[in-house]
Every structure is written in structure tokens, then in C-alpha cells.
Amino acid sequence: MTAPPAPAETQQGSPELLRSVFRQHAAGVAVITAAHEGRPAGFTATSLNSVSADPPLLSFSVGTGSSSWPALAASDHVGVHILGEHQQDLAGLFARSGADRFGPSTAWRRGPHGVPLLDGVLAWLVCRVAARVPAGEHRVVIAEVIAGDPLGEGRGQGRPLLYHGGRFNALRD
């Protein structure tokens, strides 16, 4: 009889431990948008979660050092866009610091409450911000769904973009 392998050494809680463990966690990719003083802002998020069906609430987190934070801090409404596997470039653009996210290469329009809505996404929502909860150097934003399109421009066709292992990936069967 052979002995079972020894368990790996337990690590103390740290930012690196958290990052290392979450590299093993696959997450859907969304882009969150807002408008402030007539200017659009947005960022790529993998922290999107459903909170409640009744009332319809969701949450996401955003760093207070993010270039998008001032717009999100001042906006009463946000756009939530679920990206498809064909939108890796768009996800990368909205994740890149200093990028011209709403430049000529980004197709978008103003939606309800002036929220920037991205074209070509799998699905989108417009939400009213209900709370911004401090969490370290981030804020957890809780928002109530007020409008949206669950099928997007592809009318329900397409597969979601995922984030795993530090890179964007496609869903495999």
C-alpha cells in the first residue's frame, strides 16, 4: 500500500495567493460603460455577478484608481455588455490603460439615460446604480436592471468570451 501524496504547503493570505487561485477560475467577460459630463467611459470586467432576481440586481467591482472610476462614481446609470468569443480585441481595448476606448474602431451608440451601448455584443443591460460599497482599493457596485436586450445583435447566436489563466479564451464543448 502506498501512502497518499503529501498535501501542498498552505500559503498565507496575500494578493499573490488570491491572484494565483483566481487564475484557475474561469469568468465571463463583460464591458461596463457610463457617461459623465457627456463623455463615455468604460472598462473590462470579469467580476460581474447576478445578485437578486426580484428586484433584478447585479454587481461588479471597479478599482478606484481606474481611469473609468470618476465616471462610474458620478453616474446614476451604467451599461453592462456581455462579450462574445469573437470580441477578444474589444475586451483587450477596454482593459488597456490609456487606450482610446471609444475611438473610431469602437461601434457604439447612446442608449437609455445616455448610457454608452456597444454594438455587436451578445447581450446588454442598462442599470440604475443602487450602491457603491467600499472594498479595499475597489468599490463593489450594485445596480438594478431597468432595460436591456438578452439576445443582442446576434439574436442569441454566439458563444461567450471567457477569462482564464490570465488570458481571454473561447468556451469549449
C-alpha atoms as a PDB file:
ATOM      1  CA  MET A   1       0.000   0.000   0.000  1.00  0.00           C
ATOM      2  CA  THR A   2       1.401   3.383  -0.973  1.00  0.00           C
ATOM      3  CA  ALA A   3       0.878   6.497   1.046  1.00  0.00           C
ATOM      4  CA  PRO A   4      -1.201   9.277  -0.489  1.00  0.00           C
ATOM      5  CA  PRO A   5       0.784  12.245  -1.742  1.00  0.00           C
ATOM      6  CA  ALA A   6       1.510  14.894   0.837  1.00  0.00           C
ATOM      7  CA  PRO A   7      -0.715  17.950   0.508  1.00  0.00           C
ATOM      8  CA  ALA A   8       0.857  21.084  -0.886  1.00  0.00           C
ATOM      9  CA  GLU A   9       2.087  23.576   1.644  1.00  0.00           C
ATOM     10  CA  THR A  10      -0.574  26.032   2.732  1.00  0.00           C
ATOM     11  CA  GLN A  11       0.233  29.641   1.888  1.00  0.00           C
ATOM     12  CA  GLN A  12      -0.700  32.657   3.943  1.00  0.00           C
ATOM     13  CA  GLY A  13      -3.275  35.033   2.536  1.00  0.00           C
ATOM     14  CA  SER A  14      -1.728  37.593   0.177  1.00  0.00           C
ATOM     15  CA  PRO A  15      -2.503  39.455  -3.042  1.00  0.00           C
ATOM     16  CA  GLU A  16      -0.371  36.937  -4.973  1.00  0.00           C
ATOM     17  CA  LEU A  17      -2.183  33.944  -3.456  1.00  0.00           C
ATOM     18  CA  LEU A  18      -5.540  35.452  -4.418  1.00  0.00           C
ATOM     19  CA  ARG A  19      -4.342  36.180  -7.973  1.00  0.00           C
ATOM     20  CA  SER A  20      -2.861  32.680  -8.329  1.00  0.00           C
ATOM     21  CA  VAL A  21      -6.042  30.950  -7.203  1.00  0.00           C
ATOM     22  CA  PHE A  22      -8.284  33.109  -9.400  1.00  0.00           C
ATOM     23  CA  ARG A  23      -6.136  32.287 -12.454  1.00  0.00           C
ATOM     24  CA  GLN A  24      -7.700  28.825 -12.052  1.00  0.00           C
ATOM     25  CA  HIS A  25     -11.224  30.310 -12.091  1.00  0.00           C
ATOM     26  CA  ALA A  26     -12.916  30.884 -15.456  1.00  0.00           C
ATOM     27  CA  ALA A  27     -15.068  34.002 -15.617  1.00  0.00           C
ATOM     28  CA  GLY A  28     -17.312  35.569 -18.201  1.00  0.00           C
ATOM     29  CA  VAL A  29     -16.137  38.832 -19.748  1.00  0.00           C
ATOM     30  CA  ALA A  30     -18.225  41.994 -19.704  1.00  0.00           C
ATOM     31  CA  VAL A  31     -17.632  45.638 -20.504  1.00  0.00           C
ATOM     32  CA  ILE A  32     -19.145  48.187 -18.119  1.00  0.00           C
ATOM     33  CA  THR A  33     -19.841  51.668 -19.518  1.00  0.00           C
ATOM     34  CA  ALA A  34     -21.004  55.002 -18.149  1.00  0.00           C
ATOM     35  CA  ALA A  35     -21.158  58.613 -19.264  1.00  0.00           C
ATOM     36  CA  HIS A  36     -20.027  61.626 -17.261  1.00  0.00           C
ATOM     37  CA  GLU A  37     -20.267  65.215 -18.468  1.00  0.00           C
ATOM     38  CA  GLY A  38     -21.179  63.890 -21.909  1.00  0.00           C
ATOM     39  CA  ARG A  39     -18.065  61.728 -22.229  1.00  0.00           C
ATOM     40  CA  PRO A  40     -18.205  57.927 -22.399  1.00  0.00           C
ATOM     41  CA  ALA A  41     -16.063  55.737 -20.150  1.00  0.00           C
ATOM     42  CA  GLY A  42     -15.780  52.008 -19.719  1.00  0.00           C
ATOM     43  CA  PHE A  43     -13.689  49.051 -18.624  1.00  0.00           C
ATOM     44  CA  THR A  44     -13.477  45.271 -18.999  1.00  0.00           C
ATOM     45  CA  ALA A  45     -14.850  43.359 -16.009  1.00  0.00           C
ATOM     46  CA  THR A  46     -14.705  39.713 -15.014  1.00  0.00           C
ATOM     47  CA  SER A  47     -16.345  40.416 -11.651  1.00  0.00           C
ATOM     48  CA  LEU A  48     -19.939  40.577 -12.933  1.00  0.00           C
ATOM     49  CA  ASN A  49     -22.431  38.690 -10.750  1.00  0.00           C
ATOM     50  CA  SER A  50     -26.165  38.237 -10.519  1.00  0.00           C
ATOM     51  CA  VAL A  51     -27.266  39.329  -7.033  1.00  0.00           C
ATOM     52  CA  SER A  52     -31.065  39.059  -6.997  1.00  0.00           C
ATOM     53  CA  ALA A  53     -33.845  38.240  -9.446  1.00  0.00           C
ATOM     54  CA  ASP A  54     -36.503  40.217  -7.560  1.00  0.00           C
ATOM     55  CA  PRO A  55     -35.617  43.021  -7.634  1.00  0.00           C
ATOM     56  CA  PRO A  56     -33.254  42.400 -10.587  1.00  0.00           C
ATOM     57  CA  LEU A  57     -29.829  43.318  -9.174  1.00  0.00           C
ATOM     58  CA  LEU A  58     -26.274  42.672 -10.323  1.00  0.00           C
ATOM     59  CA  SER A  59     -22.851  43.621  -9.037  1.00  0.00           C
ATOM     60  CA  PHE A  60     -19.340  44.254 -10.339  1.00  0.00           C
ATOM     61  CA  SER A  61     -16.189  45.715  -8.867  1.00  0.00           C
ATOM     62  CA  VAL A  62     -14.009  48.542 -10.111  1.00  0.00           C
ATOM     63  CA  GLY A  63     -10.702  49.901  -8.826  1.00  0.00           C
ATOM     64  CA  THR A  64     -10.802  53.465  -7.538  1.00  0.00           C
ATOM     65  CA  GLY A  65      -7.520  54.099  -9.382  1.00  0.00           C
ATOM     66  CA  SER A  66      -9.102  53.125 -12.705  1.00  0.00           C
ATOM     67  CA  SER A  67      -9.479  55.826 -15.352  1.00  0.00           C
ATOM     68  CA  SER A  68     -13.161  54.822 -15.514  1.00  0.00           C
ATOM     69  CA  TRP A  69     -13.800  55.277 -11.799  1.00  0.00           C
ATOM     70  CA  PRO A  70     -14.580  59.039 -11.883  1.00  0.00           C
ATOM     71  CA  ALA A  71     -17.351  58.448 -14.447  1.00  0.00           C
ATOM     72  CA  LEU A  72     -18.698  55.428 -12.568  1.00  0.00           C
ATOM     73  CA  ALA A  73     -18.566  57.321  -9.271  1.00  0.00           C
ATOM     74  CA  ALA A  74     -20.639  60.182 -10.706  1.00  0.00           C
ATOM     75  CA  SER A  75     -23.078  58.253 -12.929  1.00  0.00           C
ATOM     76  CA  ASP A  76     -26.548  57.190 -11.881  1.00  0.00           C
ATOM     77  CA  HIS A  77     -26.731  54.601 -14.703  1.00  0.00           C
ATOM     78  CA  VAL A  78     -24.335  52.081 -16.252  1.00  0.00           C
ATOM     79  CA  GLY A  79     -24.302  49.786 -19.262  1.00  0.00           C
ATOM     80  CA  VAL A  80     -23.395  46.105 -18.890  1.00  0.00           C
ATOM     81  CA  HIS A  81     -22.317  44.271 -22.056  1.00  0.00           C
ATOM     82  CA  ILE A  82     -21.743  40.511 -22.324  1.00  0.00           C
ATOM     83  CA  LEU A  83     -18.967  39.894 -24.850  1.00  0.00           C
ATOM     84  CA  GLY A  84     -18.824  37.078 -27.365  1.00  0.00           C
ATOM     85  CA  GLU A  85     -15.788  34.941 -28.130  1.00  0.00           C
ATOM     86  CA  HIS A  86     -15.272  36.985 -31.319  1.00  0.00           C
ATOM     87  CA  GLN A  87     -14.699  40.139 -29.211  1.00  0.00           C
ATOM     88  CA  GLN A  88     -11.281  39.460 -27.681  1.00  0.00           C
ATOM     89  CA  ASP A  89      -9.923  42.651 -29.256  1.00  0.00           C
ATOM     90  CA  LEU A  90     -12.734  44.716 -27.738  1.00  0.00           C
ATOM     91  CA  ALA A  91     -12.137  43.157 -24.308  1.00  0.00           C
ATOM     92  CA  GLY A  92      -8.427  43.922 -24.626  1.00  0.00           C
ATOM     93  CA  LEU A  93      -9.102  47.507 -25.688  1.00  0.00           C
ATOM     94  CA  PHE A  94     -11.333  48.204 -22.682  1.00  0.00           C
ATOM     95  CA  ALA A  95      -8.805  46.504 -20.374  1.00  0.00           C
ATOM     96  CA  ARG A  96      -5.818  48.532 -21.620  1.00  0.00           C
ATOM     97  CA  SER A  97      -4.831  51.587 -19.603  1.00  0.00           C
ATOM     98  CA  GLY A  98      -4.641  54.776 -21.650  1.00  0.00           C
ATOM     99  CA  ALA A  99      -6.434  53.298 -24.677  1.00  0.00           C
ATOM    100  CA  ASP A 100      -8.916  55.333 -26.729  1.00  0.00           C
ATOM    101  CA  ARG A 101     -11.772  53.002 -25.825  1.00  0.00           C
ATOM    102  CA  PHE A 102     -14.463  54.947 -27.678  1.00  0.00           C
ATOM    103  CA  GLY A 103     -12.333  55.840 -30.706  1.00  0.00           C
ATOM    104  CA  PRO A 104     -13.173  55.174 -34.366  1.00  0.00           C
ATOM    105  CA  SER A 105     -12.685  51.403 -34.021  1.00  0.00           C
ATOM    106  CA  THR A 106     -15.439  51.089 -31.388  1.00  0.00           C
ATOM    107  CA  ALA A 107     -19.019  50.911 -32.668  1.00  0.00           C
ATOM    108  CA  TRP A 108     -21.404  52.311 -30.070  1.00  0.00           C
ATOM    109  CA  ARG A 109     -24.456  54.487 -29.554  1.00  0.00           C
ATOM    110  CA  ARG A 110     -26.165  56.317 -26.717  1.00  0.00           C
ATOM    111  CA  GLY A 111     -28.862  54.242 -25.042  1.00  0.00           C
ATOM    112  CA  PRO A 112     -31.399  54.889 -22.313  1.00  0.00           C
ATOM    113  CA  HIS A 113     -30.273  57.535 -19.788  1.00  0.00           C
ATOM    114  CA  GLY A 114     -27.370  58.443 -22.110  1.00  0.00           C
ATOM    115  CA  VAL A 115     -25.508  55.207 -21.302  1.00  0.00           C
ATOM    116  CA  PRO A 116     -22.972  54.215 -23.999  1.00  0.00           C
ATOM    117  CA  LEU A 117     -24.101  50.924 -25.584  1.00  0.00           C
ATOM    118  CA  LEU A 118     -21.606  48.816 -27.533  1.00  0.00           C
ATOM    119  CA  ASP A 119     -22.671  47.276 -30.844  1.00  0.00           C
ATOM    120  CA  GLY A 120     -22.295  43.583 -31.629  1.00  0.00           C
ATOM    121  CA  VAL A 121     -22.403  42.219 -28.058  1.00  0.00           C
ATOM    122  CA  LEU A 122     -24.185  39.005 -27.056  1.00  0.00           C
ATOM    123  CA  ALA A 123     -26.492  40.845 -24.637  1.00  0.00           C
ATOM    124  CA  TRP A 124     -26.687  44.172 -22.822  1.00  0.00           C
ATOM    125  CA  LEU A 125     -28.359  45.842 -19.851  1.00  0.00           C
ATOM    126  CA  VAL A 126     -28.844  49.385 -18.644  1.00  0.00           C
ATOM    127  CA  CYS A 127     -28.872  49.591 -14.855  1.00  0.00           C
ATOM    128  CA  ARG A 128     -29.522  52.214 -12.178  1.00  0.00           C
ATOM    129  CA  VAL A 129     -26.713  52.340  -9.615  1.00  0.00           C
ATOM    130  CA  ALA A 130     -28.147  51.382  -6.217  1.00  0.00           C
ATOM    131  CA  ALA A 131     -24.953  51.331  -4.113  1.00  0.00           C
ATOM    132  CA  ARG A 132     -21.179  51.682  -4.230  1.00  0.00           C
ATOM    133  CA  VAL A 133     -19.698  49.609  -1.411  1.00  0.00           C
ATOM    134  CA  PRO A 134     -16.057  50.224  -0.359  1.00  0.00           C
ATOM    135  CA  ALA A 135     -13.933  47.049  -0.609  1.00  0.00           C
ATOM    136  CA  GLY A 136     -10.205  47.715  -0.232  1.00  0.00           C
ATOM    137  CA  GLU A 137      -8.982  49.794  -3.154  1.00  0.00           C
ATOM    138  CA  HIS A 138     -12.120  48.875  -5.101  1.00  0.00           C
ATOM    139  CA  ARG A 139     -15.822  49.585  -4.985  1.00  0.00           C
ATOM    140  CA  VAL A 140     -18.455  46.910  -5.405  1.00  0.00           C
ATOM    141  CA  VAL A 141     -21.193  48.499  -7.469  1.00  0.00           C
ATOM    142  CA  ILE A 142     -24.696  47.126  -7.022  1.00  0.00           C
ATOM    143  CA  ALA A 143     -27.086  48.092  -9.793  1.00  0.00           C
ATOM    144  CA  GLU A 144     -30.730  47.466 -10.639  1.00  0.00           C
ATOM    145  CA  VAL A 145     -31.610  46.351 -14.162  1.00  0.00           C
ATOM    146  CA  ILE A 146     -34.019  48.777 -15.871  1.00  0.00           C
ATOM    147  CA  ALA A 147     -33.683  47.872 -19.586  1.00  0.00           C
ATOM    148  CA  GLY A 148     -31.783  45.575 -21.911  1.00  0.00           C
ATOM    149  CA  ASP A 149     -31.643  43.084 -24.726  1.00  0.00           C
ATOM    150  CA  PRO A 150     -30.966  39.449 -23.752  1.00  0.00           C
ATOM    151  CA  LEU A 151     -30.229  38.405 -27.330  1.00  0.00           C
ATOM    152  CA  GLY A 152     -28.017  41.255 -28.540  1.00  0.00           C
ATOM    153  CA  GLU A 153     -27.457  41.921 -32.212  1.00  0.00           C
ATOM    154  CA  GLY A 154     -26.734  38.266 -32.929  1.00  0.00           C
ATOM    155  CA  ARG A 155     -30.268  37.480 -31.697  1.00  0.00           C
ATOM    156  CA  GLY A 156     -28.988  34.847 -29.298  1.00  0.00           C
ATOM    157  CA  GLN A 157     -26.357  33.436 -31.626  1.00  0.00           C
ATOM    158  CA  GLY A 158     -22.801  33.253 -30.391  1.00  0.00           C
ATOM    159  CA  ARG A 159     -20.739  31.969 -27.535  1.00  0.00           C
ATOM    160  CA  PRO A 160     -19.441  33.944 -24.563  1.00  0.00           C
ATOM    161  CA  LEU A 161     -15.894  35.155 -24.128  1.00  0.00           C
ATOM    162  CA  LEU A 162     -14.155  33.771 -21.037  1.00  0.00           C
ATOM    163  CA  TYR A 163     -11.149  34.876 -18.989  1.00  0.00           C
ATOM    164  CA  HIS A 164      -8.945  32.120 -17.565  1.00  0.00           C
ATOM    165  CA  GLY A 165      -5.274  31.763 -16.766  1.00  0.00           C
ATOM    166  CA  GLY A 166      -4.595  35.448 -17.397  1.00  0.00           C
ATOM    167  CA  ARG A 167      -5.954  35.492 -20.959  1.00  0.00           C
ATOM    168  CA  PHE A 168      -9.173  35.588 -22.957  1.00  0.00           C
ATOM    169  CA  ASN A 169     -10.494  32.200 -24.093  1.00  0.00           C
ATOM    170  CA  ALA A 170     -13.356  30.652 -26.017  1.00  0.00           C
ATOM    171  CA  LEU A 171     -15.823  28.236 -24.461  1.00  0.00           C
ATOM    172  CA  ARG A 172     -15.150  24.608 -25.414  1.00  0.00           C
ATOM    173  CA  ASP A 173     -17.734  21.810 -25.512  1.00  0.00           C
END
